[in-house]
Amino acid sequence: MKKALITTSAVLLTASVSYAQGPGMTGWGYGPGMMGWGYGMGWFGTILMAVFWIAILVGLVFLIRWVVVSTKPEAREAKPEDSAMEILKKRYARGEIDKQEFEEKKKALEA
């Protein structure tokens, strides 16, 4: 009687543990886990991954834009350390102003 009770309880316990995986769920790829019954991140993980990749792409766009803008010749033309006289000489050398205007502005800067 005692042996039958132990055997019956062992069979019931084993059946209930194996049945916890779900009825009809046998073979590889079933059971709890990322693709199972909610133990993974689910839709939140998908949305979070999409936000992550969008942030990476936006960061790359801003980085490329910054590199393009900072390497334009106009950005390198007038530096903060250039003096007014240096800028005046560059404008005269490029032909933006004539000799008379250059001399007038030179005198004004020296005063």
C-alpha atoms as a PDB file:
ATOM      1  CA  MET A   1       0.000   0.000   0.000  1.00  0.00           C
ATOM      2  CA  LYS A   2       2.785   2.391   0.920  1.00  0.00           C
ATOM      3  CA  LYS A   3       4.679   1.502  -2.273  1.00  0.00           C
ATOM      4  CA  ALA A   4       1.562   2.067  -4.400  1.00  0.00           C
ATOM      5  CA  LEU A   5       0.965   5.468  -2.779  1.00  0.00           C
ATOM      6  CA  ILE A   6       4.557   6.549  -3.454  1.00  0.00           C
ATOM      7  CA  THR A   7       4.391   5.326  -7.040  1.00  0.00           C
ATOM      8  CA  THR A   8       1.053   7.060  -7.668  1.00  0.00           C
ATOM      9  CA  SER A   9       2.229  10.352  -6.193  1.00  0.00           C
ATOM     10  CA  ALA A  10       5.468  10.160  -8.191  1.00  0.00           C
ATOM     11  CA  VAL A  11       3.529   9.577 -11.410  1.00  0.00           C
ATOM     12  CA  LEU A  12       1.128  12.425 -10.671  1.00  0.00           C
ATOM     13  CA  LEU A  13       3.957  14.768  -9.702  1.00  0.00           C
ATOM     14  CA  THR A  14       5.924  13.921 -12.852  1.00  0.00           C
ATOM     15  CA  ALA A  15       2.829  14.355 -15.012  1.00  0.00           C
ATOM     16  CA  SER A  16       2.011  17.728 -13.482  1.00  0.00           C
ATOM     17  CA  VAL A  17       5.584  19.001 -13.941  1.00  0.00           C
ATOM     18  CA  SER A  18       5.702  17.918 -17.568  1.00  0.00           C
ATOM     19  CA  TYR A  19       2.183  19.232 -18.184  1.00  0.00           C
ATOM     20  CA  ALA A  20       3.295  22.678 -16.954  1.00  0.00           C
ATOM     21  CA  GLN A  21       4.910  23.199 -20.340  1.00  0.00           C
ATOM     22  CA  GLY A  22       1.462  23.234 -21.897  1.00  0.00           C
ATOM     23  CA  PRO A  23      -0.673  20.608 -23.525  1.00  0.00           C
ATOM     24  CA  GLY A  24       0.561  19.481 -26.889  1.00  0.00           C
ATOM     25  CA  MET A  25       3.811  21.438 -26.630  1.00  0.00           C
ATOM     26  CA  THR A  26       6.464  18.924 -27.472  1.00  0.00           C
ATOM     27  CA  GLY A  27       9.704  19.087 -29.380  1.00  0.00           C
ATOM     28  CA  TRP A  28      12.306  21.789 -29.790  1.00  0.00           C
ATOM     29  CA  GLY A  29      11.450  25.472 -29.721  1.00  0.00           C
ATOM     30  CA  TYR A  30       8.461  25.305 -27.403  1.00  0.00           C
ATOM     31  CA  GLY A  31       8.122  26.288 -23.816  1.00  0.00           C
ATOM     32  CA  PRO A  32       8.991  29.362 -21.789  1.00  0.00           C
ATOM     33  CA  GLY A  33      11.548  31.713 -23.145  1.00  0.00           C
ATOM     34  CA  MET A  34      11.853  34.651 -25.471  1.00  0.00           C
ATOM     35  CA  MET A  35       9.350  33.288 -27.994  1.00  0.00           C
ATOM     36  CA  GLY A  36       7.188  31.537 -25.405  1.00  0.00           C
ATOM     37  CA  TRP A  37       4.627  32.924 -23.012  1.00  0.00           C
ATOM     38  CA  GLY A  38       5.811  36.423 -22.218  1.00  0.00           C
ATOM     39  CA  TYR A  39       9.138  35.775 -20.517  1.00  0.00           C
ATOM     40  CA  GLY A  40      10.948  37.849 -23.145  1.00  0.00           C
ATOM     41  CA  MET A  41      10.554  41.555 -23.815  1.00  0.00           C
ATOM     42  CA  GLY A  42       7.753  41.090 -26.360  1.00  0.00           C
ATOM     43  CA  TRP A  43       6.576  44.191 -28.206  1.00  0.00           C
ATOM     44  CA  PHE A  44       8.457  46.480 -25.847  1.00  0.00           C
ATOM     45  CA  GLY A  45      11.737  44.953 -27.000  1.00  0.00           C
ATOM     46  CA  THR A  46      10.805  45.449 -30.641  1.00  0.00           C
ATOM     47  CA  ILE A  47       9.899  49.094 -30.069  1.00  0.00           C
ATOM     48  CA  LEU A  48      13.023  49.683 -27.997  1.00  0.00           C
ATOM     49  CA  MET A  49      15.221  48.185 -30.736  1.00  0.00           C
ATOM     50  CA  ALA A  50      13.534  50.358 -33.387  1.00  0.00           C
ATOM     51  CA  VAL A  51      14.106  53.488 -31.266  1.00  0.00           C
ATOM     52  CA  PHE A  52      17.741  52.470 -30.775  1.00  0.00           C
ATOM     53  CA  TRP A  53      18.420  52.098 -34.512  1.00  0.00           C
ATOM     54  CA  ILE A  54      16.568  55.313 -35.362  1.00  0.00           C
ATOM     55  CA  ALA A  55      18.734  57.159 -32.807  1.00  0.00           C
ATOM     56  CA  ILE A  56      21.881  55.647 -34.375  1.00  0.00           C
ATOM     57  CA  LEU A  57      20.788  56.743 -37.874  1.00  0.00           C
ATOM     58  CA  VAL A  58      19.870  60.270 -36.725  1.00  0.00           C
ATOM     59  CA  GLY A  59      23.250  60.539 -34.984  1.00  0.00           C
ATOM     60  CA  LEU A  60      25.037  59.484 -38.173  1.00  0.00           C
ATOM     61  CA  VAL A  61      23.104  62.046 -40.221  1.00  0.00           C
ATOM     62  CA  PHE A  62      24.056  64.837 -37.812  1.00  0.00           C
ATOM     63  CA  LEU A  63      27.689  63.686 -37.778  1.00  0.00           C
ATOM     64  CA  ILE A  64      27.903  63.654 -41.585  1.00  0.00           C
ATOM     65  CA  ARG A  65      26.201  67.063 -41.779  1.00  0.00           C
ATOM     66  CA  TRP A  66      28.635  68.528 -39.246  1.00  0.00           C
ATOM     67  CA  VAL A  67      31.632  67.161 -41.173  1.00  0.00           C
ATOM     68  CA  VAL A  68      30.338  68.542 -44.490  1.00  0.00           C
ATOM     69  CA  VAL A  69      29.556  71.994 -43.063  1.00  0.00           C
ATOM     70  CA  SER A  70      32.841  72.278 -41.163  1.00  0.00           C
ATOM     71  CA  THR A  71      34.940  71.419 -44.228  1.00  0.00           C
ATOM     72  CA  LYS A  72      33.373  74.008 -46.549  1.00  0.00           C
ATOM     73  CA  PRO A  73      35.773  76.744 -47.681  1.00  0.00           C
ATOM     74  CA  GLU A  74      33.469  79.472 -46.315  1.00  0.00           C
ATOM     75  CA  ALA A  75      33.786  77.989 -42.848  1.00  0.00           C
ATOM     76  CA  ARG A  76      37.588  78.152 -43.033  1.00  0.00           C
ATOM     77  CA  GLU A  77      37.779  81.622 -44.575  1.00  0.00           C
ATOM     78  CA  ALA A  78      37.548  83.961 -41.592  1.00  0.00           C
ATOM     79  CA  LYS A  79      38.952  82.538 -38.390  1.00  0.00           C
ATOM     80  CA  PRO A  80      38.422  84.191 -35.042  1.00  0.00           C
ATOM     81  CA  GLU A  81      42.161  84.656 -34.615  1.00  0.00           C
ATOM     82  CA  ASP A  82      42.432  86.607 -37.899  1.00  0.00           C
ATOM     83  CA  SER A  83      42.900  90.289 -37.324  1.00  0.00           C
ATOM     84  CA  ALA A  84      40.908  92.918 -39.181  1.00  0.00           C
ATOM     85  CA  MET A  85      44.016  93.777 -41.199  1.00  0.00           C
ATOM     86  CA  GLU A  86      44.413  90.138 -42.310  1.00  0.00           C
ATOM     87  CA  ILE A  87      40.794  90.015 -43.451  1.00  0.00           C
ATOM     88  CA  LEU A  88      41.243  93.305 -45.312  1.00  0.00           C
ATOM     89  CA  LYS A  89      44.345  91.960 -47.077  1.00  0.00           C
ATOM     90  CA  LYS A  90      42.517  88.786 -48.082  1.00  0.00           C
ATOM     91  CA  ARG A  91      39.600  90.779 -49.525  1.00  0.00           C
ATOM     92  CA  TYR A  92      42.018  92.946 -51.513  1.00  0.00           C
ATOM     93  CA  ALA A  93      43.882  89.891 -52.783  1.00  0.00           C
ATOM     94  CA  ARG A  94      40.636  88.292 -53.981  1.00  0.00           C
ATOM     95  CA  GLY A  95      39.640  91.486 -55.770  1.00  0.00           C
ATOM     96  CA  GLU A  96      36.591  92.218 -53.655  1.00  0.00           C
ATOM     97  CA  ILE A  97      37.824  95.780 -53.010  1.00  0.00           C
ATOM     98  CA  ASP A  98      40.012  98.087 -55.080  1.00  0.00           C
ATOM     99  CA  LYS A  99      43.273  99.778 -54.056  1.00  0.00           C
ATOM    100  CA  GLN A 100      41.619 103.060 -53.058  1.00  0.00           C
ATOM    101  CA  GLU A 101      39.114 101.361 -50.761  1.00  0.00           C
ATOM    102  CA  PHE A 102      41.909  99.176 -49.332  1.00  0.00           C
ATOM    103  CA  GLU A 103      44.011 102.242 -48.467  1.00  0.00           C
ATOM    104  CA  GLU A 104      41.024 104.006 -46.859  1.00  0.00           C
ATOM    105  CA  LYS A 105      40.168 101.046 -44.687  1.00  0.00           C
ATOM    106  CA  LYS A 106      43.842 100.466 -43.822  1.00  0.00           C
ATOM    107  CA  LYS A 107      44.149 104.055 -42.576  1.00  0.00           C
ATOM    108  CA  ALA A 108      40.930 103.687 -40.588  1.00  0.00           C
ATOM    109  CA  LEU A 109      42.226 100.499 -38.933  1.00  0.00           C
ATOM    110  CA  GLU A 110      45.597 102.026 -38.061  1.00  0.00           C
ATOM    111  CA  ALA A 111      43.985 105.061 -36.414  1.00  0.00           C
END
